All heavy atoms as atom14 arrays in JSON, in Angstrom:
{
  "sequence": "IGPQHPATHGVLRLKVVLDGERIVTAEPVIGY",
  "atom14_mask": [
    [1, 1, 1, 1, 1, 1, 1, 1, 0, 0, 0, 0, 0, 0],
    [1, 1, 1, 1, 0, 0, 0, 0, 0, 0, 0, 0, 0, 0],
    [1, 1, 1, 1, 1, 1, 1, 0, 0, 0, 0, 0, 0, 0],
    [1, 1, 1, 1, 1, 1, 1, 1, 1, 0, 0, 0, 0, 0],
    [1, 1, 1, 1, 1, 1, 1, 1, 1, 1, 0, 0, 0, 0],
    [1, 1, 1, 1, 1, 1, 1, 0, 0, 0, 0, 0, 0, 0],
    [1, 1, 1, 1, 1, 0, 0, 0, 0, 0, 0, 0, 0, 0],
    [1, 1, 1, 1, 1, 1, 1, 0, 0, 0, 0, 0, 0, 0],
    [1, 1, 1, 1, 1, 1, 1, 1, 1, 1, 0, 0, 0, 0],
    [1, 1, 1, 1, 0, 0, 0, 0, 0, 0, 0, 0, 0, 0],
    [1, 1, 1, 1, 1, 1, 1, 0, 0, 0, 0, 0, 0, 0],
    [1, 1, 1, 1, 1, 1, 1, 1, 0, 0, 0, 0, 0, 0],
    [1, 1, 1, 1, 1, 1, 1, 1, 1, 1, 1, 0, 0, 0],
    [1, 1, 1, 1, 1, 1, 1, 1, 0, 0, 0, 0, 0, 0],
    [1, 1, 1, 1, 1, 1, 1, 1, 1, 0, 0, 0, 0, 0],
    [1, 1, 1, 1, 1, 1, 1, 0, 0, 0, 0, 0, 0, 0],
    [1, 1, 1, 1, 1, 1, 1, 0, 0, 0, 0, 0, 0, 0],
    [1, 1, 1, 1, 1, 1, 1, 1, 0, 0, 0, 0, 0, 0],
    [1, 1, 1, 1, 1, 1, 1, 1, 0, 0, 0, 0, 0, 0],
    [1, 1, 1, 1, 0, 0, 0, 0, 0, 0, 0, 0, 0, 0],
    [1, 1, 1, 1, 1, 1, 1, 1, 1, 0, 0, 0, 0, 0],
    [1, 1, 1, 1, 1, 1, 1, 1, 1, 1, 1, 0, 0, 0],
    [1, 1, 1, 1, 1, 1, 1, 1, 0, 0, 0, 0, 0, 0],
    [1, 1, 1, 1, 1, 1, 1, 0, 0, 0, 0, 0, 0, 0],
    [1, 1, 1, 1, 1, 1, 1, 0, 0, 0, 0, 0, 0, 0],
    [1, 1, 1, 1, 1, 0, 0, 0, 0, 0, 0, 0, 0, 0],
    [1, 1, 1, 1, 1, 1, 1, 1, 1, 0, 0, 0, 0, 0],
    [1, 1, 1, 1, 1, 1, 1, 0, 0, 0, 0, 0, 0, 0],
    [1, 1, 1, 1, 1, 1, 1, 0, 0, 0, 0, 0, 0, 0],
    [1, 1, 1, 1, 1, 1, 1, 1, 0, 0, 0, 0, 0, 0],
    [1, 1, 1, 1, 0, 0, 0, 0, 0, 0, 0, 0, 0, 0],
    [1, 1, 1, 1, 1, 1, 1, 1, 1, 1, 1, 1, 0, 0]
  ],
  "atom14_positions": [
    [[101.44, 83.96, 99.33], [100.3, 84.59, 100.0], [99.92, 85.78, 99.14], [100.62, 86.77, 99.07], [100.67, 85.07, 101.42], [101.38, 83.98, 102.21], [99.43, 85.58, 102.15], [100.55, 82.79, 102.56], [0.0, 0.0, 0.0], [0.0, 0.0, 0.0], [0.0, 0.0, 0.0], [0.0, 0.0, 0.0], [0.0, 0.0, 0.0], [0.0, 0.0, 0.0]],
    [[98.8, 85.71, 98.46], [98.39, 86.81, 97.6], [98.64, 86.48, 96.14], [99.0, 85.35, 95.81], [0.0, 0.0, 0.0], [0.0, 0.0, 0.0], [0.0, 0.0, 0.0], [0.0, 0.0, 0.0], [0.0, 0.0, 0.0], [0.0, 0.0, 0.0], [0.0, 0.0, 0.0], [0.0, 0.0, 0.0], [0.0, 0.0, 0.0], [0.0, 0.0, 0.0]],
    [[98.45, 87.42, 95.25], [98.18, 88.83, 95.57], [96.72, 89.15, 95.92], [96.42, 90.32, 96.12], [98.6, 89.55, 94.29], [98.41, 88.55, 93.2], [98.68, 87.21, 93.8], [0.0, 0.0, 0.0], [0.0, 0.0, 0.0], [0.0, 0.0, 0.0], [0.0, 0.0, 0.0], [0.0, 0.0, 0.0], [0.0, 0.0, 0.0], [0.0, 0.0, 0.0]],
    [[95.84, 88.17, 96.01], [94.44, 88.49, 96.36], [94.06, 87.91, 97.71], [92.94, 87.47, 97.91], [93.47, 87.98, 95.28], [93.34, 88.9, 94.1], [94.42, 88.67, 93.07], [94.88, 87.56, 92.89], [94.83, 89.72, 92.39], [0.0, 0.0, 0.0], [0.0, 0.0, 0.0], [0.0, 0.0, 0.0], [0.0, 0.0, 0.0], [0.0, 0.0, 0.0]],
    [[94.97, 87.87, 98.63], [94.68, 87.24, 99.92], [93.95, 88.21, 100.85], [94.29, 89.39, 100.9], [95.99, 86.78, 100.59], [95.77, 85.77, 101.67], [95.48, 86.14, 102.95], [95.77, 84.43, 101.66], [95.32, 85.06, 103.69], [95.49, 84.01, 102.93], [0.0, 0.0, 0.0], [0.0, 0.0, 0.0], [0.0, 0.0, 0.0], [0.0, 0.0, 0.0]],
    [[92.91, 87.75, 101.53], [92.15, 88.67, 102.4], [92.96, 89.2, 103.58], [92.5, 90.09, 104.29], [90.98, 87.82, 102.88], [91.41, 86.41, 102.7], [92.32, 86.4, 101.52], [0.0, 0.0, 0.0], [0.0, 0.0, 0.0], [0.0, 0.0, 0.0], [0.0, 0.0, 0.0], [0.0, 0.0, 0.0], [0.0, 0.0, 0.0], [0.0, 0.0, 0.0]],
    [[94.15, 88.65, 103.81], [94.95, 89.1, 104.95], [95.74, 90.37, 104.66], [96.49, 90.82, 105.5], [95.92, 87.99, 105.34], [0.0, 0.0, 0.0], [0.0, 0.0, 0.0], [0.0, 0.0, 0.0], [0.0, 0.0, 0.0], [0.0, 0.0, 0.0], [0.0, 0.0, 0.0], [0.0, 0.0, 0.0], [0.0, 0.0, 0.0], [0.0, 0.0, 0.0]],
    [[95.59, 90.93, 103.48], [96.44, 92.07, 103.14], [95.62, 93.35, 102.92], [94.46, 93.3, 102.54], [97.25, 91.79, 101.85], [96.33, 91.55, 100.79], [98.15, 90.6, 102.0], [0.0, 0.0, 0.0], [0.0, 0.0, 0.0], [0.0, 0.0, 0.0], [0.0, 0.0, 0.0], [0.0, 0.0, 0.0], [0.0, 0.0, 0.0], [0.0, 0.0, 0.0]],
    [[96.27, 94.49, 103.16], [95.65, 95.79, 102.9], [95.94, 96.18, 101.45], [96.91, 96.85, 101.15], [96.24, 96.85, 103.83], [95.93, 96.63, 105.26], [94.72, 96.96, 105.79], [96.65, 96.09, 106.26], [94.72, 96.66, 107.08], [95.87, 96.12, 107.38], [0.0, 0.0, 0.0], [0.0, 0.0, 0.0], [0.0, 0.0, 0.0], [0.0, 0.0, 0.0]],
    [[95.11, 95.75, 100.53], [95.39, 96.05, 99.12], [96.06, 94.87, 98.46], [95.95, 93.74, 98.93], [0.0, 0.0, 0.0], [0.0, 0.0, 0.0], [0.0, 0.0, 0.0], [0.0, 0.0, 0.0], [0.0, 0.0, 0.0], [0.0, 0.0, 0.0], [0.0, 0.0, 0.0], [0.0, 0.0, 0.0], [0.0, 0.0, 0.0], [0.0, 0.0, 0.0]],
    [[96.78, 95.12, 97.38], [97.32, 94.03, 96.57], [98.8, 93.85, 96.84], [99.66, 94.41, 96.18], [97.09, 94.32, 95.07], [97.38, 93.08, 94.24], [95.65, 94.76, 94.84], [0.0, 0.0, 0.0], [0.0, 0.0, 0.0], [0.0, 0.0, 0.0], [0.0, 0.0, 0.0], [0.0, 0.0, 0.0], [0.0, 0.0, 0.0], [0.0, 0.0, 0.0]],
    [[99.12, 93.07, 97.85], [100.49, 92.72, 98.2], [100.65, 91.21, 98.07], [99.72, 90.46, 98.37], [100.81, 93.14, 99.63], [102.19, 92.74, 100.17], [103.27, 93.62, 99.57], [102.23, 92.86, 101.69], [0.0, 0.0, 0.0], [0.0, 0.0, 0.0], [0.0, 0.0, 0.0], [0.0, 0.0, 0.0], [0.0, 0.0, 0.0], [0.0, 0.0, 0.0]],
    [[101.81, 90.79, 97.6], [102.08, 89.35, 97.53], [103.27, 89.05, 98.43], [104.26, 89.77, 98.41], [102.4, 88.96, 96.09], [102.8, 87.5, 95.93], [102.99, 87.17, 94.45], [103.92, 86.08, 94.26], [104.84, 86.01, 93.31], [104.95, 87.01, 92.45], [105.63, 84.99, 93.2], [0.0, 0.0, 0.0], [0.0, 0.0, 0.0], [0.0, 0.0, 0.0]],
    [[103.13, 88.0, 99.23], [104.24, 87.55, 100.07], [104.67, 86.17, 99.61], [103.86, 85.26, 99.53], [103.8, 87.47, 101.53], [103.93, 88.7, 102.41], [103.43, 88.36, 103.81], [105.36, 89.18, 102.49], [0.0, 0.0, 0.0], [0.0, 0.0, 0.0], [0.0, 0.0, 0.0], [0.0, 0.0, 0.0], [0.0, 0.0, 0.0], [0.0, 0.0, 0.0]],
    [[105.94, 86.06, 99.29], [106.49, 84.76, 98.88], [107.26, 84.22, 100.08], [108.31, 84.74, 100.44], [107.41, 84.95, 97.68], [107.93, 83.67, 97.08], [108.8, 83.97, 95.87], [109.42, 82.69, 95.33], [110.37, 82.99, 94.25], [0.0, 0.0, 0.0], [0.0, 0.0, 0.0], [0.0, 0.0, 0.0], [0.0, 0.0, 0.0], [0.0, 0.0, 0.0]],
    [[106.69, 83.18, 100.72], [107.33, 82.66, 101.93], [107.81, 81.23, 101.72], [107.18, 80.45, 101.0], [106.37, 82.72, 103.15], [106.04, 84.15, 103.51], [105.09, 81.94, 102.91], [0.0, 0.0, 0.0], [0.0, 0.0, 0.0], [0.0, 0.0, 0.0], [0.0, 0.0, 0.0], [0.0, 0.0, 0.0], [0.0, 0.0, 0.0], [0.0, 0.0, 0.0]],
    [[108.94, 80.92, 102.32], [109.46, 79.55, 102.31], [109.23, 78.98, 103.7], [109.63, 79.58, 104.72], [110.97, 79.54, 101.97], [111.52, 78.12, 102.05], [111.2, 80.11, 100.58], [0.0, 0.0, 0.0], [0.0, 0.0, 0.0], [0.0, 0.0, 0.0], [0.0, 0.0, 0.0], [0.0, 0.0, 0.0], [0.0, 0.0, 0.0], [0.0, 0.0, 0.0]],
    [[108.56, 77.83, 103.75], [108.18, 77.22, 105.03], [108.95, 75.95, 105.31], [109.27, 75.18, 104.39], [106.68, 76.88, 105.03], [105.67, 78.02, 104.78], [104.26, 77.44, 104.72], [105.78, 79.05, 105.87], [0.0, 0.0, 0.0], [0.0, 0.0, 0.0], [0.0, 0.0, 0.0], [0.0, 0.0, 0.0], [0.0, 0.0, 0.0], [0.0, 0.0, 0.0]],
    [[109.24, 75.74, 106.6], [109.74, 74.45, 107.07], [108.68, 73.97, 108.05], [108.65, 74.39, 109.21], [111.1, 74.64, 107.75], [111.64, 73.32, 108.29], [111.06, 72.27, 107.94], [112.61, 73.34, 109.05], [0.0, 0.0, 0.0], [0.0, 0.0, 0.0], [0.0, 0.0, 0.0], [0.0, 0.0, 0.0], [0.0, 0.0, 0.0], [0.0, 0.0, 0.0]],
    [[107.77, 73.12, 107.58], [106.61, 72.77, 108.38], [105.71, 74.0, 108.48], [105.28, 74.53, 107.46], [0.0, 0.0, 0.0], [0.0, 0.0, 0.0], [0.0, 0.0, 0.0], [0.0, 0.0, 0.0], [0.0, 0.0, 0.0], [0.0, 0.0, 0.0], [0.0, 0.0, 0.0], [0.0, 0.0, 0.0], [0.0, 0.0, 0.0], [0.0, 0.0, 0.0]],
    [[105.46, 74.46, 109.7], [104.65, 75.68, 109.89], [105.53, 76.9, 110.15], [105.02, 78.0, 110.35], [103.67, 75.49, 111.04], [102.46, 74.64, 110.68], [101.35, 74.78, 111.69], [101.19, 75.88, 112.24], [100.66, 73.78, 111.93], [0.0, 0.0, 0.0], [0.0, 0.0, 0.0], [0.0, 0.0, 0.0], [0.0, 0.0, 0.0], [0.0, 0.0, 0.0]],
    [[106.82, 76.72, 110.17], [107.74, 77.81, 110.53], [108.22, 78.52, 109.26], [108.6, 77.88, 108.28], [108.94, 77.23, 111.29], [109.86, 78.24, 111.93], [109.32, 78.84, 113.17], [108.91, 77.88, 114.21], [108.37, 78.26, 115.35], [108.15, 79.54, 115.59], [108.01, 77.37, 116.24], [0.0, 0.0, 0.0], [0.0, 0.0, 0.0], [0.0, 0.0, 0.0]],
    [[108.16, 79.84, 109.28], [108.61, 80.62, 108.12], [110.13, 80.72, 108.14], [110.73, 81.14, 109.14], [107.97, 82.03, 108.13], [106.45, 81.93, 107.98], [108.55, 82.92, 107.03], [105.7, 83.25, 108.16], [0.0, 0.0, 0.0], [0.0, 0.0, 0.0], [0.0, 0.0, 0.0], [0.0, 0.0, 0.0], [0.0, 0.0, 0.0], [0.0, 0.0, 0.0]],
    [[110.76, 80.34, 107.02], [112.22, 80.4, 106.91], [112.64, 81.72, 106.28], [113.49, 82.43, 106.81], [112.75, 79.2, 106.08], [114.28, 79.27, 105.97], [112.31, 77.89, 106.69], [0.0, 0.0, 0.0], [0.0, 0.0, 0.0], [0.0, 0.0, 0.0], [0.0, 0.0, 0.0], [0.0, 0.0, 0.0], [0.0, 0.0, 0.0], [0.0, 0.0, 0.0]],
    [[112.04, 82.06, 105.15], [112.3, 83.36, 104.52], [110.97, 83.94, 104.03], [110.01, 83.19, 103.77], [113.25, 83.25, 103.3], [112.63, 82.43, 102.3], [114.6, 82.67, 103.68], [0.0, 0.0, 0.0], [0.0, 0.0, 0.0], [0.0, 0.0, 0.0], [0.0, 0.0, 0.0], [0.0, 0.0, 0.0], [0.0, 0.0, 0.0], [0.0, 0.0, 0.0]],
    [[110.94, 85.25, 103.93], [109.73, 85.93, 103.45], [110.16, 87.07, 102.54], [111.03, 87.86, 102.9], [108.9, 86.45, 104.61], [0.0, 0.0, 0.0], [0.0, 0.0, 0.0], [0.0, 0.0, 0.0], [0.0, 0.0, 0.0], [0.0, 0.0, 0.0], [0.0, 0.0, 0.0], [0.0, 0.0, 0.0], [0.0, 0.0, 0.0], [0.0, 0.0, 0.0]],
    [[109.53, 87.14, 101.38], [109.88, 88.21, 100.42], [108.6, 88.94, 99.99], [107.73, 88.35, 99.34], [110.56, 87.6, 99.18], [110.92, 88.63, 98.14], [111.32, 87.98, 96.81], [111.49, 86.74, 96.76], [111.46, 88.72, 95.82], [0.0, 0.0, 0.0], [0.0, 0.0, 0.0], [0.0, 0.0, 0.0], [0.0, 0.0, 0.0], [0.0, 0.0, 0.0]],
    [[108.46, 90.22, 100.36], [107.3, 90.97, 99.87], [107.49, 91.28, 98.38], [108.54, 91.78, 97.97], [107.33, 92.27, 100.69], [108.39, 92.08, 101.72], [109.31, 91.04, 101.21], [0.0, 0.0, 0.0], [0.0, 0.0, 0.0], [0.0, 0.0, 0.0], [0.0, 0.0, 0.0], [0.0, 0.0, 0.0], [0.0, 0.0, 0.0], [0.0, 0.0, 0.0]],
    [[106.49, 90.96, 97.58], [106.53, 91.26, 96.14], [105.57, 92.41, 95.9], [104.36, 92.28, 96.1], [106.14, 90.02, 95.3], [106.27, 90.33, 93.81], [107.01, 88.83, 95.68], [0.0, 0.0, 0.0], [0.0, 0.0, 0.0], [0.0, 0.0, 0.0], [0.0, 0.0, 0.0], [0.0, 0.0, 0.0], [0.0, 0.0, 0.0], [0.0, 0.0, 0.0]],
    [[106.12, 93.54, 95.48], [105.3, 94.75, 95.36], [105.18, 95.18, 93.9], [105.82, 94.61, 93.02], [105.88, 95.91, 96.21], [107.28, 96.28, 95.7], [105.93, 95.52, 97.68], [107.87, 97.52, 96.33], [0.0, 0.0, 0.0], [0.0, 0.0, 0.0], [0.0, 0.0, 0.0], [0.0, 0.0, 0.0], [0.0, 0.0, 0.0], [0.0, 0.0, 0.0]],
    [[104.37, 96.16, 93.65], [104.27, 96.72, 92.31], [102.96, 96.44, 91.6], [102.74, 96.89, 90.49], [0.0, 0.0, 0.0], [0.0, 0.0, 0.0], [0.0, 0.0, 0.0], [0.0, 0.0, 0.0], [0.0, 0.0, 0.0], [0.0, 0.0, 0.0], [0.0, 0.0, 0.0], [0.0, 0.0, 0.0], [0.0, 0.0, 0.0], [0.0, 0.0, 0.0]],
    [[102.05, 95.72, 92.24], [100.78, 95.37, 91.58], [99.87, 96.58, 91.39], [98.98, 96.56, 90.55], [100.04, 94.29, 92.38], [100.71, 92.93, 92.32], [101.61, 92.53, 93.29], [100.45, 92.07, 91.26], [102.24, 91.29, 93.23], [101.06, 90.83, 91.19], [101.96, 90.45, 92.18], [102.57, 89.23, 92.1], [0.0, 0.0, 0.0], [0.0, 0.0, 0.0]]
  ]
}
């Protein structure tokens, strides 16, 4: 998700692992 996703306040990237529609893990990637 990102780093240019309209769902974020600024430039944040979210790296998510999905099982179907369910989020298993989520890692915010910062520093942009």
